[in-house]
Amino acid sequence: MIPLGQRLRQARMNKGLSQSELAKMVGIHYTQIGRYENKGAQPSADVLAKLANALETSSDYLMNGSTEEQASIALEDKDLLNQFQKVEQLPSDKKMIVKELIDAFLLKCDIQKRYAS
């Protein structure tokens, strides 16, 4: 998983801000931005919220990354990840059908496993 410091640096650079400029916007010393980006220091919840606001992103993104990034870490099967990403683009009613199919398949596998034991 990509650390907060790297996401913070990337978001800051995407906005074209220096560490000093971001620090002024947030109300902290510029060296603290460097600590977050390079030393692995973790901001308080209040500072994290201010950083997210200044960078026009969410605190959740800065801490955890994107949903896609988290999914790619959690799923080792890249074909399955690709399929889930395609399903995510479907309308809600179609997504519900896919979820019901998956639930039914998993239930069937669970039943087979119980009777096989």
N, C-alpha and C. Protein backbone atom coordinates (compact mmCIF):
# COMPACT_ATOMS: atom_id res chain seq x y z
N MET A 1 0.84 -1.18 0.00
CA MET A 1 0.00 0.00 0.00
C MET A 1 0.89 1.25 0.00
N ILE A 2 0.48 2.23 -0.73
CA ILE A 2 1.25 3.47 -0.82
C ILE A 2 1.07 4.25 0.48
N PRO A 3 2.17 4.68 1.10
CA PRO A 3 2.06 5.42 2.37
C PRO A 3 1.45 6.81 2.19
N LEU A 4 0.90 7.31 3.30
CA LEU A 4 0.29 8.64 3.33
C LEU A 4 1.25 9.69 2.76
N GLY A 5 2.51 9.63 3.12
CA GLY A 5 3.48 10.62 2.68
C GLY A 5 3.57 10.73 1.16
N GLN A 6 3.56 9.60 0.49
CA GLN A 6 3.64 9.63 -0.98
C GLN A 6 2.35 10.19 -1.59
N ARG A 7 1.19 9.80 -1.02
CA ARG A 7 -0.07 10.34 -1.54
C ARG A 7 -0.15 11.85 -1.29
N LEU A 8 0.32 12.27 -0.11
CA LEU A 8 0.31 13.70 0.23
C LEU A 8 1.20 14.47 -0.74
N ARG A 9 2.41 13.96 -0.98
CA ARG A 9 3.35 14.64 -1.89
C ARG A 9 2.74 14.73 -3.30
N GLN A 10 2.16 13.62 -3.77
CA GLN A 10 1.59 13.60 -5.11
C GLN A 10 0.43 14.59 -5.23
N ALA A 11 -0.43 14.61 -4.24
CA ALA A 11 -1.58 15.54 -4.25
C ALA A 11 -1.09 16.99 -4.21
N ARG A 12 -0.06 17.26 -3.40
CA ARG A 12 0.50 18.61 -3.31
C ARG A 12 1.10 19.04 -4.65
N MET A 13 1.85 18.14 -5.26
CA MET A 13 2.48 18.45 -6.54
C MET A 13 1.43 18.62 -7.64
N ASN A 14 0.37 17.82 -7.60
CA ASN A 14 -0.70 17.96 -8.59
C ASN A 14 -1.36 19.33 -8.51
N LYS A 15 -1.39 19.91 -7.31
CA LYS A 15 -1.97 21.25 -7.13
C LYS A 15 -0.94 22.34 -7.40
N GLY A 16 0.32 21.95 -7.65
CA GLY A 16 1.37 22.93 -7.92
C GLY A 16 1.79 23.72 -6.69
N LEU A 17 1.70 23.09 -5.53
CA LEU A 17 2.04 23.77 -4.28
C LEU A 17 3.39 23.31 -3.75
N SER A 18 4.11 24.24 -3.15
CA SER A 18 5.34 23.88 -2.44
C SER A 18 4.95 23.42 -1.04
N GLN A 19 5.89 22.84 -0.33
CA GLN A 19 5.63 22.46 1.05
C GLN A 19 5.28 23.69 1.88
N SER A 20 5.98 24.78 1.63
CA SER A 20 5.73 26.03 2.37
C SER A 20 4.33 26.56 2.11
N GLU A 21 3.91 26.54 0.85
CA GLU A 21 2.57 27.04 0.50
C GLU A 21 1.48 26.20 1.15
N LEU A 22 1.64 24.89 1.10
CA LEU A 22 0.65 24.02 1.72
C LEU A 22 0.62 24.22 3.23
N ALA A 23 1.80 24.34 3.82
CA ALA A 23 1.87 24.55 5.27
C ALA A 23 1.15 25.82 5.69
N LYS A 24 1.33 26.91 4.92
CA LYS A 24 0.63 28.17 5.23
C LYS A 24 -0.88 28.00 5.13
N MET A 25 -1.34 27.27 4.13
CA MET A 25 -2.78 27.06 3.95
C MET A 25 -3.37 26.29 5.13
N VAL A 26 -2.56 25.39 5.69
CA VAL A 26 -3.04 24.50 6.76
C VAL A 26 -2.79 25.11 8.14
N GLY A 27 -1.81 26.02 8.22
CA GLY A 27 -1.51 26.65 9.50
C GLY A 27 -0.49 25.87 10.33
N ILE A 28 0.46 25.23 9.64
CA ILE A 28 1.53 24.52 10.34
C ILE A 28 2.87 24.95 9.73
N HIS A 29 3.96 24.54 10.36
CA HIS A 29 5.29 24.88 9.85
C HIS A 29 5.62 23.98 8.66
N TYR A 30 6.31 24.52 7.68
CA TYR A 30 6.61 23.77 6.46
C TYR A 30 7.43 22.50 6.73
N THR A 31 8.25 22.51 7.77
CA THR A 31 9.04 21.31 8.06
C THR A 31 8.14 20.12 8.43
N GLN A 32 6.96 20.43 8.96
CA GLN A 32 6.04 19.35 9.32
C GLN A 32 5.53 18.64 8.07
N ILE A 33 5.31 19.38 7.00
CA ILE A 33 4.90 18.76 5.73
C ILE A 33 5.99 17.78 5.28
N GLY A 34 7.25 18.20 5.40
CA GLY A 34 8.37 17.32 5.06
C GLY A 34 8.39 16.06 5.92
N ARG A 35 8.05 16.21 7.19
CA ARG A 35 8.01 15.04 8.07
C ARG A 35 6.92 14.07 7.63
N TYR A 36 5.77 14.62 7.24
CA TYR A 36 4.68 13.76 6.77
C TYR A 36 5.09 13.04 5.48
N GLU A 37 5.70 13.79 4.56
CA GLU A 37 6.03 13.24 3.25
C GLU A 37 7.23 12.29 3.29
N ASN A 38 8.23 12.59 4.12
CA ASN A 38 9.49 11.84 4.05
C ASN A 38 9.81 10.96 5.25
N LYS A 39 9.28 11.28 6.40
CA LYS A 39 9.67 10.58 7.61
C LYS A 39 8.59 9.64 8.16
N GLY A 40 7.42 9.63 7.50
CA GLY A 40 6.36 8.75 7.96
C GLY A 40 5.56 9.27 9.14
N ALA A 41 5.76 10.55 9.48
CA ALA A 41 4.97 11.14 10.58
C ALA A 41 3.50 11.17 10.16
N GLN A 42 2.62 11.00 11.15
CA GLN A 42 1.18 10.98 10.89
C GLN A 42 0.56 12.26 11.45
N PRO A 43 -0.22 12.97 10.63
CA PRO A 43 -0.86 14.19 11.12
C PRO A 43 -2.02 13.86 12.06
N SER A 44 -2.35 14.81 12.92
CA SER A 44 -3.53 14.65 13.77
C SER A 44 -4.76 14.67 12.87
N ALA A 45 -5.89 14.25 13.39
CA ALA A 45 -7.13 14.24 12.60
C ALA A 45 -7.47 15.63 12.10
N ASP A 46 -7.26 16.63 12.95
CA ASP A 46 -7.56 18.01 12.58
C ASP A 46 -6.68 18.48 11.42
N VAL A 47 -5.39 18.22 11.52
CA VAL A 47 -4.45 18.62 10.46
C VAL A 47 -4.73 17.82 9.19
N LEU A 48 -5.04 16.54 9.33
CA LEU A 48 -5.36 15.72 8.17
C LEU A 48 -6.56 16.30 7.42
N ALA A 49 -7.57 16.70 8.14
CA ALA A 49 -8.76 17.30 7.51
C ALA A 49 -8.40 18.59 6.79
N LYS A 50 -7.54 19.41 7.40
CA LYS A 50 -7.11 20.66 6.77
C LYS A 50 -6.28 20.39 5.51
N LEU A 51 -5.41 19.38 5.58
CA LEU A 51 -4.61 19.02 4.40
C LEU A 51 -5.51 18.56 3.26
N ALA A 52 -6.47 17.70 3.59
CA ALA A 52 -7.40 17.20 2.57
C ALA A 52 -8.18 18.34 1.96
N ASN A 53 -8.64 19.26 2.78
CA ASN A 53 -9.40 20.41 2.29
C ASN A 53 -8.54 21.28 1.37
N ALA A 54 -7.33 21.56 1.79
CA ALA A 54 -6.42 22.40 0.99
C ALA A 54 -6.09 21.74 -0.34
N LEU A 55 -6.01 20.40 -0.34
CA LEU A 55 -5.64 19.67 -1.56
C LEU A 55 -6.85 19.21 -2.36
N GLU A 56 -8.04 19.59 -1.88
CA GLU A 56 -9.30 19.26 -2.54
C GLU A 56 -9.44 17.75 -2.75
N THR A 57 -9.18 17.01 -1.68
CA THR A 57 -9.33 15.56 -1.68
C THR A 57 -9.98 15.17 -0.37
N SER A 58 -10.00 13.91 -0.04
CA SER A 58 -10.60 13.48 1.23
C SER A 58 -9.52 12.96 2.18
N SER A 59 -9.82 13.04 3.45
CA SER A 59 -8.91 12.48 4.46
C SER A 59 -8.75 10.98 4.22
N ASP A 60 -9.85 10.33 3.85
CA ASP A 60 -9.81 8.89 3.60
C ASP A 60 -8.83 8.56 2.48
N TYR A 61 -8.84 9.36 1.41
CA TYR A 61 -7.90 9.12 0.32
C TYR A 61 -6.46 9.27 0.81
N LEU A 62 -6.18 10.34 1.55
CA LEU A 62 -4.81 10.56 2.02
C LEU A 62 -4.34 9.41 2.92
N MET A 63 -5.22 8.92 3.77
CA MET A 63 -4.84 7.85 4.70
C MET A 63 -4.81 6.48 4.03
N ASN A 64 -5.81 6.18 3.20
CA ASN A 64 -5.99 4.81 2.71
C ASN A 64 -5.82 4.63 1.22
N GLY A 65 -5.78 5.70 0.47
CA GLY A 65 -5.70 5.58 -0.98
C GLY A 65 -7.07 5.40 -1.60
N SER A 66 -7.09 5.19 -2.89
CA SER A 66 -8.35 5.03 -3.61
C SER A 66 -8.90 3.64 -3.40
N THR A 67 -10.17 3.49 -3.65
CA THR A 67 -10.81 2.19 -3.55
C THR A 67 -10.16 1.22 -4.52
N GLU A 68 -9.84 1.72 -5.69
CA GLU A 68 -9.20 0.89 -6.71
C GLU A 68 -7.83 0.40 -6.24
N GLU A 69 -7.10 1.29 -5.61
CA GLU A 69 -5.78 0.94 -5.08
C GLU A 69 -5.91 -0.13 -3.99
N GLN A 70 -6.88 0.04 -3.09
CA GLN A 70 -7.10 -0.94 -2.03
C GLN A 70 -7.53 -2.28 -2.60
N ALA A 71 -8.40 -2.25 -3.60
CA ALA A 71 -8.88 -3.50 -4.21
C ALA A 71 -7.73 -4.24 -4.88
N SER A 72 -6.87 -3.51 -5.56
CA SER A 72 -5.76 -4.18 -6.26
C SER A 72 -4.79 -4.81 -5.28
N ILE A 73 -4.70 -4.26 -4.08
CA ILE A 73 -3.84 -4.85 -3.06
C ILE A 73 -4.52 -6.09 -2.47
N ALA A 74 -5.83 -6.00 -2.26
CA ALA A 74 -6.56 -7.09 -1.62
C ALA A 74 -6.76 -8.28 -2.55
N LEU A 75 -6.92 -8.04 -3.83
CA LEU A 75 -7.17 -9.12 -4.78
C LEU A 75 -5.89 -9.46 -5.54
N GLU A 76 -5.48 -10.70 -5.41
CA GLU A 76 -4.29 -11.15 -6.12
C GLU A 76 -4.62 -11.55 -7.55
N ASP A 77 -5.86 -11.98 -7.79
CA ASP A 77 -6.29 -12.42 -9.12
C ASP A 77 -6.63 -11.18 -9.95
N LYS A 78 -5.74 -10.81 -10.84
CA LYS A 78 -5.90 -9.58 -11.62
C LYS A 78 -7.09 -9.67 -12.59
N ASP A 79 -7.39 -10.87 -13.10
CA ASP A 79 -8.56 -11.03 -13.97
C ASP A 79 -9.83 -10.73 -13.20
N LEU A 80 -9.89 -11.23 -11.96
CA LEU A 80 -11.06 -10.99 -11.11
C LEU A 80 -11.18 -9.50 -10.79
N LEU A 81 -10.08 -8.87 -10.49
CA LEU A 81 -10.09 -7.43 -10.22
C LEU A 81 -10.61 -6.67 -11.44
N ASN A 82 -10.15 -7.05 -12.63
CA ASN A 82 -10.59 -6.40 -13.86
C ASN A 82 -12.10 -6.58 -14.05
N GLN A 83 -12.59 -7.79 -13.75
CA GLN A 83 -14.03 -8.04 -13.88
C GLN A 83 -14.82 -7.18 -12.89
N PHE A 84 -14.35 -7.09 -11.66
CA PHE A 84 -15.06 -6.27 -10.67
C PHE A 84 -15.05 -4.79 -11.06
N GLN A 85 -13.97 -4.33 -11.66
CA GLN A 85 -13.92 -2.94 -12.11
C GLN A 85 -14.95 -2.70 -13.22
N LYS A 86 -15.13 -3.68 -14.10
CA LYS A 86 -16.13 -3.55 -15.16
C LYS A 86 -17.54 -3.59 -14.57
N VAL A 87 -17.77 -4.46 -13.60
CA VAL A 87 -19.08 -4.55 -12.95
C VAL A 87 -19.40 -3.22 -12.26
N GLU A 88 -18.40 -2.59 -11.68
CA GLU A 88 -18.59 -1.32 -10.97
C GLU A 88 -19.16 -0.23 -11.90
N GLN A 89 -18.90 -0.35 -13.20
CA GLN A 89 -19.38 0.64 -14.17
C GLN A 89 -20.83 0.41 -14.61
N LEU A 90 -21.39 -0.74 -14.24
CA LEU A 90 -22.76 -1.07 -14.65
C LEU A 90 -23.78 -0.24 -13.87
N PRO A 91 -24.99 -0.11 -14.43
CA PRO A 91 -26.07 0.55 -13.68
C PRO A 91 -26.41 -0.26 -12.42
N SER A 92 -27.01 0.38 -11.44
CA SER A 92 -27.31 -0.25 -10.15
C SER A 92 -28.08 -1.55 -10.27
N ASP A 93 -29.08 -1.58 -11.16
CA ASP A 93 -29.90 -2.79 -11.29
C ASP A 93 -29.08 -3.97 -11.81
N LYS A 94 -28.15 -3.70 -12.71
CA LYS A 94 -27.29 -4.76 -13.25
C LYS A 94 -26.28 -5.22 -12.19
N LYS A 95 -25.75 -4.28 -11.39
CA LYS A 95 -24.83 -4.65 -10.32
C LYS A 95 -25.53 -5.57 -9.33
N MET A 96 -26.79 -5.28 -9.03
CA MET A 96 -27.54 -6.10 -8.08
C MET A 96 -27.67 -7.54 -8.60
N ILE A 97 -27.87 -7.70 -9.88
CA ILE A 97 -27.96 -9.05 -10.47
C ILE A 97 -26.64 -9.80 -10.29
N VAL A 98 -25.52 -9.11 -10.54
CA VAL A 98 -24.21 -9.74 -10.38
C VAL A 98 -24.00 -10.14 -8.92
N LYS A 99 -24.37 -9.28 -8.00
CA LYS A 99 -24.23 -9.59 -6.57
C LYS A 99 -25.07 -10.81 -6.20
N GLU A 100 -26.29 -10.88 -6.71
CA GLU A 100 -27.17 -12.02 -6.42
C GLU A 100 -26.59 -13.31 -6.99
N LEU A 101 -26.02 -13.25 -8.19
CA LEU A 101 -25.39 -14.42 -8.79
C LEU A 101 -24.20 -14.89 -7.95
N ILE A 102 -23.39 -13.96 -7.51
CA ILE A 102 -22.23 -14.31 -6.68
C ILE A 102 -22.70 -14.92 -5.37
N ASP A 103 -23.70 -14.30 -4.72
CA ASP A 103 -24.23 -14.84 -3.47
C ASP A 103 -24.75 -16.26 -3.66
N ALA A 104 -25.49 -16.49 -4.75
CA ALA A 104 -26.04 -17.83 -5.02
C ALA A 104 -24.92 -18.84 -5.24
N PHE A 105 -23.91 -18.46 -5.99
CA PHE A 105 -22.79 -19.36 -6.25
C PHE A 105 -22.04 -19.70 -4.96
N LEU A 106 -21.79 -18.68 -4.13
CA LEU A 106 -21.08 -18.92 -2.87
C LEU A 106 -21.90 -19.80 -1.93
N LEU A 107 -23.20 -19.61 -1.91
CA LEU A 107 -24.07 -20.45 -1.09
C LEU A 107 -24.00 -21.90 -1.57
N LYS A 108 -24.05 -22.10 -2.88
CA LYS A 108 -23.95 -23.44 -3.45
C LYS A 108 -22.63 -24.10 -3.05
N CYS A 109 -21.52 -23.35 -3.15
CA CYS A 109 -20.20 -23.88 -2.77
C CYS A 109 -20.16 -24.24 -1.30
N ASP A 110 -20.76 -23.41 -0.46
CA ASP A 110 -20.80 -23.66 0.98
C ASP A 110 -21.59 -24.93 1.29
N ILE A 111 -22.72 -25.11 0.62
CA ILE A 111 -23.55 -26.30 0.82
C ILE A 111 -22.79 -27.54 0.36
N GLN A 112 -22.16 -27.46 -0.79
CA GLN A 112 -21.39 -28.61 -1.30
C GLN A 112 -20.26 -28.99 -0.33
N LYS A 113 -19.62 -27.98 0.21
CA LYS A 113 -18.51 -28.20 1.14
C LYS A 113 -19.00 -28.90 2.41
N ARG A 114 -20.16 -28.48 2.90
CA ARG A 114 -20.71 -29.09 4.12
C ARG A 114 -21.09 -30.54 3.91
N TYR A 115 -21.65 -30.85 2.75
CA TYR A 115 -22.08 -32.23 2.47
C TYR A 115 -20.90 -33.11 2.09
N ALA A 116 -19.82 -32.51 1.64
CA ALA A 116 -18.62 -33.28 1.27
C ALA A 116 -17.83 -33.71 2.52
N SER A 117 -18.03 -33.02 3.60
CA SER A 117 -17.28 -33.31 4.84
C SER A 117 -17.82 -34.47 5.59
